[in-house]
Amino acid sequence: MRWKIETVNKKIREDEKLQEVISYLFFGGMTTVVNFIVFF
């Protein structure tokens, strides 16, 4: 049973990492778009 809990925790950690990457790309893209609009 314990290994199952650890597997779930590992998956949750991976999902959090994925969300970090998505939000990083999202904010990076937004910044690029804003800069693009400001400069052009």
PDB file of N, CA and C in Angstrom:
ATOM      1  N   MET A   1       0.842  -1.204   0.000  1.00  0.00           N
ATOM      2  CA  MET A   1       0.000   0.000   0.000  1.00  0.00           C
ATOM      3  C   MET A   1       0.876   1.254   0.000  1.00  0.00           C
ATOM      4  N   ARG A   2       1.999   1.175   0.705  1.00  0.00           N
ATOM      5  CA  ARG A   2       2.813   2.376   0.844  1.00  0.00           C
ATOM      6  C   ARG A   2       3.391   2.824  -0.500  1.00  0.00           C
ATOM      7  N   TRP A   3       3.839   1.858  -1.311  1.00  0.00           N
ATOM      8  CA  TRP A   3       4.411   2.237  -2.605  1.00  0.00           C
ATOM      9  C   TRP A   3       3.383   2.936  -3.474  1.00  0.00           C
ATOM     10  N   LYS A   4       2.092   2.572  -3.290  1.00  0.00           N
ATOM     11  CA  LYS A   4       1.032   3.205  -4.082  1.00  0.00           C
ATOM     12  C   LYS A   4       0.927   4.686  -3.727  1.00  0.00           C
ATOM     13  N   ILE A   5       0.990   4.981  -2.436  1.00  0.00           N
ATOM     14  CA  ILE A   5       0.920   6.376  -1.988  1.00  0.00           C
ATOM     15  C   ILE A   5       2.110   7.156  -2.545  1.00  0.00           C
ATOM     16  N   GLU A   6       3.299   6.550  -2.495  1.00  0.00           N
ATOM     17  CA  GLU A   6       4.482   7.237  -3.010  1.00  0.00           C
ATOM     18  C   GLU A   6       4.344   7.491  -4.504  1.00  0.00           C
ATOM     19  N   THR A   7       3.764   6.520  -5.231  1.00  0.00           N
ATOM     20  CA  THR A   7       3.566   6.700  -6.668  1.00  0.00           C
ATOM     21  C   THR A   7       2.626   7.866  -6.929  1.00  0.00           C
ATOM     22  N   VAL A   8       1.548   7.942  -6.149  1.00  0.00           N
ATOM     23  CA  VAL A   8       0.592   9.040  -6.318  1.00  0.00           C
ATOM     24  C   VAL A   8       1.273  10.372  -6.023  1.00  0.00           C
ATOM     25  N   ASN A   9       2.041  10.422  -4.930  1.00  0.00           N
ATOM     26  CA  ASN A   9       2.746  11.654  -4.587  1.00  0.00           C
ATOM     27  C   ASN A   9       3.703  12.058  -5.696  1.00  0.00           C
ATOM     28  N   LYS A  10       4.396  11.074  -6.278  1.00  0.00           N
ATOM     29  CA  LYS A  10       5.327  11.374  -7.359  1.00  0.00           C
ATOM     30  C   LYS A  10       4.577  11.953  -8.553  1.00  0.00           C
ATOM     31  N   LYS A  11       3.423  11.382  -8.856  1.00  0.00           N
ATOM     32  CA  LYS A  11       2.634  11.876  -9.990  1.00  0.00           C
ATOM     33  C   LYS A  11       2.173  13.300  -9.727  1.00  0.00           C
ATOM     34  N   ILE A  12       1.751  13.577  -8.490  1.00  0.00           N
ATOM     35  CA  ILE A  12       1.312  14.932  -8.147  1.00  0.00           C
ATOM     36  C   ILE A  12       2.470  15.906  -8.334  1.00  0.00           C
ATOM     37  N   ARG A  13       3.668  15.510  -7.896  1.00  0.00           N
ATOM     38  CA  ARG A  13       4.833  16.377  -8.047  1.00  0.00           C
ATOM     39  C   ARG A  13       5.108  16.645  -9.523  1.00  0.00           C
ATOM     40  N   GLU A  14       4.990  15.600 -10.354  1.00  0.00           N
ATOM     41  CA  GLU A  14       5.220  15.783 -11.784  1.00  0.00           C
ATOM     42  C   GLU A  14       4.182  16.723 -12.379  1.00  0.00           C
ATOM     43  N   ASP A  15       2.923  16.607 -11.937  1.00  0.00           N
ATOM     44  CA  ASP A  15       1.872  17.485 -12.435  1.00  0.00           C
ATOM     45  C   ASP A  15       2.162  18.930 -12.045  1.00  0.00           C
ATOM     46  N   GLU A  16       2.654  19.147 -10.817  1.00  0.00           N
ATOM     47  CA  GLU A  16       2.993  20.499 -10.392  1.00  0.00           C
ATOM     48  C   GLU A  16       4.101  21.062 -11.263  1.00  0.00           C
ATOM     49  N   LYS A  17       5.097  20.217 -11.574  1.00  0.00           N
ATOM     50  CA  LYS A  17       6.192  20.654 -12.421  1.00  0.00           C
ATOM     51  C   LYS A  17       5.657  21.038 -13.796  1.00  0.00           C
ATOM     52  N   LEU A  18       4.722  20.233 -14.312  1.00  0.00           N
ATOM     53  CA  LEU A  18       4.128  20.509 -15.616  1.00  0.00           C
ATOM     54  C   LEU A  18       3.384  21.837 -15.582  1.00  0.00           C
ATOM     55  N   GLN A  19       2.644  22.088 -14.503  1.00  0.00           N
ATOM     56  CA  GLN A  19       1.920  23.353 -14.379  1.00  0.00           C
ATOM     57  C   GLN A  19       2.896  24.524 -14.334  1.00  0.00           C
ATOM     58  N   GLU A  20       4.039  24.346 -13.651  1.00  0.00           N
ATOM     59  CA  GLU A  20       5.049  25.401 -13.614  1.00  0.00           C
ATOM     60  C   GLU A  20       5.538  25.711 -15.013  1.00  0.00           C
ATOM     61  N   VAL A  21       5.817  24.654 -15.792  1.00  0.00           N
ATOM     62  CA  VAL A  21       6.303  24.851 -17.158  1.00  0.00           C
ATOM     63  C   VAL A  21       5.247  25.564 -17.993  1.00  0.00           C
ATOM     64  N   ILE A  22       3.986  25.138 -17.861  1.00  0.00           N
ATOM     65  CA  ILE A  22       2.909  25.752 -18.645  1.00  0.00           C
ATOM     66  C   ILE A  22       2.762  27.225 -18.278  1.00  0.00           C
ATOM     67  N   SER A  23       2.744  27.534 -16.979  1.00  0.00           N
ATOM     68  CA  SER A  23       2.585  28.928 -16.568  1.00  0.00           C
ATOM     69  C   SER A  23       3.797  29.741 -17.002  1.00  0.00           C
ATOM     70  N   TYR A  24       5.000  29.138 -16.948  1.00  0.00           N
ATOM     71  CA  TYR A  24       6.212  29.837 -17.395  1.00  0.00           C
ATOM     72  C   TYR A  24       6.100  30.176 -18.874  1.00  0.00           C
ATOM     73  N   LEU A  25       5.694  29.189 -19.682  1.00  0.00           N
ATOM     74  CA  LEU A  25       5.544  29.427 -21.120  1.00  0.00           C
ATOM     75  C   LEU A  25       4.440  30.448 -21.374  1.00  0.00           C
ATOM     76  N   PHE A  26       3.346  30.348 -20.620  1.00  0.00           N
ATOM     77  CA  PHE A  26       2.214  31.256 -20.806  1.00  0.00           C
ATOM     78  C   PHE A  26       2.633  32.697 -20.519  1.00  0.00           C
ATOM     79  N   PHE A  27       3.273  32.930 -19.362  1.00  0.00           N
ATOM     80  CA  PHE A  27       3.682  34.287 -19.001  1.00  0.00           C
ATOM     81  C   PHE A  27       4.781  34.779 -19.930  1.00  0.00           C
ATOM     82  N   GLY A  28       5.676  33.876 -20.332  1.00  0.00           N
ATOM     83  CA  GLY A  28       6.719  34.256 -21.288  1.00  0.00           C
ATOM     84  C   GLY A  28       6.096  34.685 -22.608  1.00  0.00           C
ATOM     85  N   GLY A  29       5.097  33.932 -23.059  1.00  0.00           N
ATOM     86  CA  GLY A  29       4.402  34.278 -24.298  1.00  0.00           C
ATOM     87  C   GLY A  29       3.663  35.600 -24.160  1.00  0.00           C
ATOM     88  N   MET A  30       3.000  35.811 -23.023  1.00  0.00           N
ATOM     89  CA  MET A  30       2.282  37.063 -22.805  1.00  0.00           C
ATOM     90  C   MET A  30       3.244  38.235 -22.835  1.00  0.00           C
ATOM     91  N   THR A  31       4.396  38.098 -22.173  1.00  0.00           N
ATOM     92  CA  THR A  31       5.392  39.164 -22.159  1.00  0.00           C
ATOM     93  C   THR A  31       5.862  39.468 -23.571  1.00  0.00           C
ATOM     94  N   THR A  32       6.112  38.417 -24.354  1.00  0.00           N
ATOM     95  CA  THR A  32       6.555  38.601 -25.735  1.00  0.00           C
ATOM     96  C   THR A  32       5.493  39.340 -26.537  1.00  0.00           C
ATOM     97  N   VAL A  33       4.231  38.952 -26.367  1.00  0.00           N
ATOM     98  CA  VAL A  33       3.136  39.602 -27.096  1.00  0.00           C
ATOM     99  C   VAL A  33       3.044  41.071 -26.701  1.00  0.00           C
ATOM    100  N   VAL A  34       3.122  41.351 -25.399  1.00  0.00           N
ATOM    101  CA  VAL A  34       3.033  42.736 -24.923  1.00  0.00           C
ATOM    102  C   VAL A  34       4.185  43.556 -25.495  1.00  0.00           C
ATOM    103  N   ASN A  35       5.408  43.022 -25.436  1.00  0.00           N
ATOM    104  CA  ASN A  35       6.555  43.729 -26.001  1.00  0.00           C
ATOM    105  C   ASN A  35       6.356  43.967 -27.487  1.00  0.00           C
ATOM    106  N   PHE A  36       5.849  42.969 -28.188  1.00  0.00           N
ATOM    107  CA  PHE A  36       5.611  43.082 -29.627  1.00  0.00           C
ATOM    108  C   PHE A  36       4.636  44.222 -29.913  1.00  0.00           C
ATOM    109  N   ILE A  37       3.546  44.290 -29.124  1.00  0.00           N
ATOM    110  CA  ILE A  37       2.539  45.339 -29.323  1.00  0.00           C
ATOM    111  C   ILE A  37       3.141  46.702 -28.992  1.00  0.00           C
ATOM    112  N   VAL A  38       3.917  46.778 -27.923  1.00  0.00           N
ATOM    113  CA  VAL A  38       4.485  48.064 -27.494  1.00  0.00           C
ATOM    114  C   VAL A  38       5.472  48.587 -28.532  1.00  0.00           C
ATOM    115  N   PHE A  39       6.336  47.702 -29.059  1.00  0.00           N
ATOM    116  CA  PHE A  39       7.384  48.160 -29.963  1.00  0.00           C
ATOM    117  C   PHE A  39       6.888  48.320 -31.396  1.00  0.00           C
ATOM    118  N   PHE A  40       5.824  47.603 -31.780  1.00  0.00           N
ATOM    119  CA  PHE A  40       5.286  47.727 -33.147  1.00  0.00           C
ATOM    120  C   PHE A  40       3.840  48.170 -33.115  1.00  0.00           C
TER     121      PHE A  40
END
